[in-house]
Amino acid sequence: MKEIPQHSPTTQYSHLNIIEYFYPDNVRLNLPFILTCDKNLTIGMPYLYSEGNHSEAVRLLNVWDEGGIVYLQVQNLITHRSFTLSWNLCYKGEYWLWSLSSLEFSINYQEKSS
């Protein structure tokens, strides 16, 4: 099994500030399909993972980037099955295959839509 990279306890910037790591467990991932307040993700927190018509509650286990790709390891909250999402940080298109959203973002979005 491949070892997942760990980041030092400092802020790290990579790929033109698309991804920023903040000690100890926060990551700012500035991509349009990260539907959280200020694009921040917190390791250990629950999120709604959506892909097409499928969605499931997941817990974020880890985030790292390597070779121009960002990886998000998540775990289904019901089945406890872990899997890894990935995205090319150089992609400039308008479409995405999956998204992660926080409960706070979803509630704010519903209130604004009403």
Protein backbone atom coordinates (compact mmCIF):
# COMPACT_ATOMS: atom_id res chain seq x y z
CA MET A 1 0.00 0.00 0.00
CA LYS A 2 1.34 3.42 -0.96
CA GLU A 3 2.27 5.68 1.93
CA ILE A 4 0.27 8.92 1.97
CA PRO A 5 2.50 12.01 2.13
CA GLN A 6 2.29 14.11 5.28
CA HIS A 7 2.95 17.84 5.27
CA SER A 8 5.15 19.77 7.67
CA PRO A 9 3.48 21.94 10.35
CA THR A 10 3.79 25.13 8.33
CA THR A 11 1.77 26.71 5.58
CA GLN A 12 2.77 25.27 2.23
CA TYR A 13 1.80 26.69 -1.15
CA SER A 14 1.80 24.81 -4.39
CA HIS A 15 0.38 25.08 -7.88
CA LEU A 16 -0.11 28.86 -7.87
CA ASN A 17 -2.02 28.88 -4.57
CA ILE A 18 -4.72 26.50 -5.76
CA ILE A 19 -3.88 24.40 -2.72
CA GLU A 20 -2.61 25.67 0.63
CA TYR A 21 -1.89 23.54 3.70
CA PHE A 22 -2.43 24.99 7.16
CA TYR A 23 -1.23 23.27 10.34
CA PRO A 24 -2.47 20.94 11.68
CA ASP A 25 -5.48 19.78 9.65
CA ASN A 26 -6.84 22.48 7.34
CA VAL A 27 -6.44 22.74 3.59
CA ARG A 28 -7.63 25.51 1.30
CA LEU A 29 -8.45 24.00 -2.09
CA ASN A 30 -9.43 26.77 -4.48
CA LEU A 31 -11.36 24.75 -7.05
CA PRO A 32 -14.97 25.49 -8.15
CA PHE A 33 -16.36 22.12 -7.03
CA ILE A 34 -15.14 22.48 -3.45
CA LEU A 35 -18.37 23.84 -2.00
CA THR A 36 -17.28 24.99 1.44
CA CYS A 37 -16.89 28.37 3.10
CA ASP A 38 -13.75 30.02 1.71
CA LYS A 39 -12.82 26.70 -0.01
CA ASN A 40 -11.46 25.36 3.29
CA LEU A 41 -11.48 21.64 4.11
CA THR A 42 -10.76 20.15 7.53
CA ILE A 43 -9.31 16.68 8.00
CA GLY A 44 -11.72 14.54 10.04
CA MET A 45 -14.85 16.54 9.19
CA PRO A 46 -17.89 15.18 7.32
CA TYR A 47 -18.77 16.35 3.80
CA LEU A 48 -21.29 15.46 1.14
CA TYR A 49 -19.56 13.81 -1.81
CA SER A 50 -21.48 14.03 -5.10
CA GLU A 51 -20.76 12.45 -8.46
CA GLY A 52 -23.49 12.65 -11.09
CA ASN A 53 -26.77 11.55 -9.46
CA HIS A 54 -24.93 9.71 -6.67
CA SER A 55 -24.13 11.32 -3.33
CA GLU A 56 -22.94 10.04 0.02
CA ALA A 57 -21.77 11.34 3.37
CA VAL A 58 -18.01 11.02 3.77
CA ARG A 59 -15.31 11.98 6.24
CA LEU A 60 -12.16 13.63 4.89
CA LEU A 61 -9.14 11.57 5.95
CA ASN A 62 -6.27 13.25 4.12
CA VAL A 63 -5.35 15.68 1.34
CA TRP A 64 -2.08 15.82 -0.58
CA ASP A 65 -0.78 16.87 -3.96
CA GLU A 66 1.83 15.16 -6.07
CA GLY A 67 2.86 15.68 -9.68
CA GLY A 68 0.19 18.29 -10.42
CA ILE A 69 -2.63 16.13 -9.04
CA VAL A 70 -4.51 16.71 -5.78
CA TYR A 71 -5.71 13.63 -3.90
CA LEU A 72 -8.45 13.52 -1.27
CA GLN A 73 -8.79 10.36 0.77
CA VAL A 74 -12.34 10.02 2.11
CA GLN A 75 -14.32 7.42 4.02
CA ASN A 76 -18.03 6.65 3.63
CA LEU A 77 -19.69 7.35 6.98
CA ILE A 78 -22.06 4.38 6.73
CA THR A 79 -19.99 1.62 5.12
CA HIS A 80 -16.57 2.86 6.35
CA ARG A 81 -15.20 2.14 2.87
CA SER A 82 -12.25 4.43 2.07
CA PHE A 83 -11.48 5.70 -1.40
CA THR A 84 -9.38 8.41 -3.01
CA LEU A 85 -10.63 11.24 -5.19
CA SER A 86 -8.21 13.03 -7.50
CA TRP A 87 -8.11 16.09 -9.72
CA ASN A 88 -5.58 17.54 -12.15
CA LEU A 89 -4.61 20.97 -10.80
CA CYS A 90 -3.80 22.24 -14.30
CA TYR A 91 -7.30 21.58 -15.69
CA LYS A 92 -8.85 24.81 -17.00
CA GLY A 93 -12.23 23.48 -18.19
CA GLU A 94 -15.65 24.31 -16.81
CA TYR A 95 -16.88 20.78 -16.02
CA TRP A 96 -16.17 18.61 -13.01
CA LEU A 97 -16.97 15.00 -12.26
CA TRP A 98 -17.36 15.22 -8.48
CA SER A 99 -17.78 17.75 -5.69
CA LEU A 100 -17.47 18.02 -1.91
CA SER A 101 -19.76 20.28 0.06
CA SER A 102 -20.04 21.13 3.72
CA LEU A 103 -23.30 21.18 5.66
CA GLU A 104 -22.79 24.88 6.37
CA PHE A 105 -22.41 25.68 2.66
CA SER A 106 -25.50 23.60 1.77
CA ILE A 107 -27.65 25.36 4.38
CA ASN A 108 -26.48 28.82 3.26
CA TYR A 109 -27.10 27.90 -0.38
CA GLN A 110 -30.66 26.74 0.37
CA GLU A 111 -31.42 29.92 2.33
CA LYS A 112 -30.17 32.12 -0.52
CA SER A 113 -32.20 30.13 -3.07
CA SER A 114 -35.46 30.58 -1.11
